[in-house]
C-alpha atoms as a PDB file:
ATOM      1  CA  MET A   1      79.246 107.076  77.099  1.00  0.00           C
ATOM      2  CA  GLN A   2      79.967 105.170  80.266  1.00  0.00           C
ATOM      3  CA  SER A   3      84.138 105.268  79.522  1.00  0.00           C
ATOM      4  CA  CYS A   4      83.304 109.053  79.217  1.00  0.00           C
ATOM      5  CA  TYR A   5      81.786 109.089  82.810  1.00  0.00           C
ATOM      6  CA  LYS A   6      84.899 106.937  84.030  1.00  0.00           C
ATOM      7  CA  LEU A   7      87.082 109.549  82.812  1.00  0.00           C
ATOM      8  CA  LEU A   8      85.335 112.485  84.168  1.00  0.00           C
ATOM      9  CA  ASN A   9      85.104 110.813  87.422  1.00  0.00           C
ATOM     10  CA  LEU A  10      88.953 111.034  87.743  1.00  0.00           C
ATOM     11  CA  PHE A  11      88.861 114.674  87.889  1.00  0.00           C
ATOM     12  CA  TYR A  12      86.336 114.847  90.723  1.00  0.00           C
ATOM     13  CA  MET A  13      86.476 114.175  94.520  1.00  0.00           C
ATOM     14  CA  ALA A  14      84.799 111.056  95.734  1.00  0.00           C
ATOM     15  CA  THR A  15      81.942 111.683  97.889  1.00  0.00           C
ATOM     16  CA  LEU A  16      81.171 109.607 100.961  1.00  0.00           C
ATOM     17  CA  LYS A  17      77.661 109.856 102.237  1.00  0.00           C
ATOM     18  CA  THR A  18      75.417 108.093 104.709  1.00  0.00           C
ATOM     19  CA  HIS A  19      73.209 105.509 103.154  1.00  0.00           C
ATOM     20  CA  ASN A  20      70.051 104.356 105.285  1.00  0.00           C
ATOM     21  CA  CYS A  21      67.851 101.433 104.841  1.00  0.00           C
ATOM     22  CA  ASN A  22      64.137 102.331 104.648  1.00  0.00           C
ATOM     23  CA  THR A  23      62.854  99.259 106.587  1.00  0.00           C
ATOM     24  CA  CYS A  24      65.464  98.711 109.380  1.00  0.00           C
ATOM     25  CA  ASP A  25      68.104 100.884 111.022  1.00  0.00           C
ATOM     26  CA  TYR A  26      70.958  99.875 109.151  1.00  0.00           C
ATOM     27  CA  PHE A  27      73.332 102.584 107.585  1.00  0.00           C
ATOM     28  CA  PHE A  28      76.772 102.652 106.280  1.00  0.00           C
ATOM     29  CA  VAL A  29      78.991 105.521 105.316  1.00  0.00           C
ATOM     30  CA  GLY A  30      80.659 105.383 101.776  1.00  0.00           C
ATOM     31  CA  SER A  31      80.347 105.958  98.099  1.00  0.00           C
ATOM     32  CA  GLY A  32      77.501 103.484  97.400  1.00  0.00           C
ATOM     33  CA  LYS A  33      78.623 102.869  93.653  1.00  0.00           C
ATOM     34  CA  PRO A  34      81.698 102.445  91.717  1.00  0.00           C
ATOM     35  CA  ASP A  35      84.131 105.329  92.552  1.00  0.00           C
ATOM     36  CA  ALA A  36      87.705 106.225  92.444  1.00  0.00           C
ATOM     37  CA  LEU A  37      89.980 107.476  95.347  1.00  0.00           C
ATOM     38  CA  MET A  38      93.638 108.305  94.942  1.00  0.00           C
ATOM     39  CA  ARG A  39      94.554 104.967  96.552  1.00  0.00           C
ATOM     40  CA  GLY A  40      92.526 103.493  93.566  1.00  0.00           C
ATOM     41  CA  PRO A  41      88.977 102.362  92.124  1.00  0.00           C
ATOM     42  CA  THR A  42      86.570 101.368  94.441  1.00  0.00           C
ATOM     43  CA  ILE A  43      83.527  99.138  94.306  1.00  0.00           C
ATOM     44  CA  PRO A  44      80.660  98.623  97.219  1.00  0.00           C
ATOM     45  CA  VAL A  45      80.800  95.027  98.504  1.00  0.00           C
ATOM     46  CA  VAL A  46      79.025  93.191 101.148  1.00  0.00           C
ATOM     47  CA  CYS A  47      80.982  91.289 103.767  1.00  0.00           C
ATOM     48  CA  LEU A  48      79.723  87.598 103.663  1.00  0.00           C
ATOM     49  CA  LYS A  49      80.506  87.233 107.377  1.00  0.00           C
ATOM     50  CA  CYS A  50      79.036  90.520 109.087  1.00  0.00           C
ATOM     51  CA  ASN A  51      76.727  91.762 106.099  1.00  0.00           C
ATOM     52  CA  GLU A  52      78.355  95.255 106.281  1.00  0.00           C
ATOM     53  CA  ILE A  53      78.585  97.173 102.966  1.00  0.00           C
ATOM     54  CA  TYR A  54      81.770  98.872 102.421  1.00  0.00           C
ATOM     55  CA  ASP A  55      83.923 100.250  99.752  1.00  0.00           C
ATOM     56  CA  ARG A  56      86.628  97.978  98.817  1.00  0.00           C
ATOM     57  CA  ILE A  57      89.645  99.185  96.681  1.00  0.00           C
ATOM     58  CA  ILE A  58      90.109  96.766  93.922  1.00  0.00           C
ATOM     59  CA  HIS A  59      93.338  97.958  92.420  1.00  0.00           C
ATOM     60  CA  SER A  60      96.313 100.010  93.433  1.00  0.00           C
ATOM     61  CA  PRO A  61      97.599 102.076  90.614  1.00  0.00           C
ATOM     62  CA  ILE A  62     100.923 102.297  92.425  1.00  0.00           C
ATOM     63  CA  GLY A  63     101.136  98.575  92.925  1.00  0.00           C
ATOM     64  CA  LYS A  64     100.681  98.680  96.818  1.00  0.00           C
ATOM     65  CA  LYS A  65      99.386  95.564  98.531  1.00  0.00           C
ATOM     66  CA  LEU A  66      95.844  96.158  99.288  1.00  0.00           C
ATOM     67  CA  ASN A  67      93.941  95.401 102.718  1.00  0.00           C
ATOM     68  CA  GLU A  68      91.743  92.456 101.922  1.00  0.00           C
ATOM     69  CA  LYS A  69      89.644  92.422 105.181  1.00  0.00           C
ATOM     70  CA  CYS A  70      86.414  93.748 106.074  1.00  0.00           C
ATOM     71  CA  TYR A  71      86.789  96.677 108.138  1.00  0.00           C
ATOM     72  CA  GLU A  72      84.275  95.351 110.654  1.00  0.00           C
ATOM     73  CA  CYS A  73      85.017  91.832 111.254  1.00  0.00           C
ATOM     74  CA  GLY A  74      88.279  90.996 109.482  1.00  0.00           C
ATOM     75  CA  SER A  75      86.746  88.633 107.086  1.00  0.00           C
ATOM     76  CA  LYS A  76      88.306  88.232 103.649  1.00  0.00           C
ATOM     77  CA  LYS A  77      85.108  86.876 102.281  1.00  0.00           C
ATOM     78  CA  TYR A  78      82.710  89.226 100.130  1.00  0.00           C
ATOM     79  CA  LYS A  79      80.454  89.788  97.400  1.00  0.00           C
ATOM     80  CA  GLU A  80      79.861  92.856  95.144  1.00  0.00           C
ATOM     81  CA  TRP A  81      76.703  94.905  96.300  1.00  0.00           C
ATOM     82  CA  ASP A  82      74.146  95.273  93.756  1.00  0.00           C
ATOM     83  CA  TYR A  83      74.255  99.193  93.911  1.00  0.00           C
ATOM     84  CA  GLU A  84      71.539  99.517  91.450  1.00  0.00           C
ATOM     85  CA  ALA A  85      68.860  97.232  93.352  1.00  0.00           C
ATOM     86  CA  LYS A  86      70.124  98.588  96.828  1.00  0.00           C
ATOM     87  CA  LYS A  87      68.761  95.715  98.663  1.00  0.00           C
ATOM     88  CA  CYS A  88      69.753  96.052 102.499  1.00  0.00           C
ATOM     89  CA  PRO A  89      71.961  93.074 103.419  1.00  0.00           C
ATOM     90  CA  GLN A  90      71.001  93.095 107.022  1.00  0.00           C
ATOM     91  CA  CYS A  91      67.180  92.882 106.786  1.00  0.00           C
ATOM     92  CA  GLN A  92      66.802  91.747 103.163  1.00  0.00           C
ATOM     93  CA  ASP A  93      63.695  93.646 102.828  1.00  0.00           C
ATOM     94  CA  GLY A  94      64.502  97.126 102.857  1.00  0.00           C
ATOM     95  CA  VAL A  95      66.199  99.376  99.931  1.00  0.00           C
ATOM     96  CA  ILE A  96      69.183 101.587 100.957  1.00  0.00           C
ATOM     97  CA  ASP A  97      69.211 105.123  99.646  1.00  0.00           C
ATOM     98  CA  GLU A  98      71.492 108.212 100.314  1.00  0.00           C
ATOM     99  CA  SER A  99      70.486 110.130 103.435  1.00  0.00           C
ATOM    100  CA  ASP A 100      70.099 113.830 103.218  1.00  0.00           C
ATOM    101  CA  GLU A 101      71.330 113.943 106.589  1.00  0.00           C
ATOM    102  CA  GLY A 102      74.277 112.277 108.285  1.00  0.00           C
ATOM    103  CA  VAL A 103      77.941 112.271 107.230  1.00  0.00           C
ATOM    104  CA  LEU A 104      79.175 113.893 104.111  1.00  0.00           C
ATOM    105  CA  ILE A 105      82.940 113.390 103.347  1.00  0.00           C
ATOM    106  CA  MET A 106      84.673 114.959 100.233  1.00  0.00           C
ATOM    107  CA  ALA A 107      87.370 111.946  99.764  1.00  0.00           C
ATOM    108  CA  ASP A 108      90.922 112.170  98.654  1.00  0.00           C
END
């Protein structure tokens, strides 16, 4: 079933939304889950230097060199964000969920 989802995901636009922490004022705009853009598949990651969550392209379908740096601080060190647990990397106590308000971008 999961491979079917991945196949179907190729036919829909990625949706980037505002995600807010329920404890602190941290937020980010992104998919918040594995997704796919025209530039390639993405996963949410946490920068190990500044603790920002961002969507990272993990493979270029056309062989283009990928930008390996954090958008916020330029660090190349990151880890995958556990998008199922949704733990806030800033305060470590909160849970991050999609916001009904804020940015909604249909990507691609």
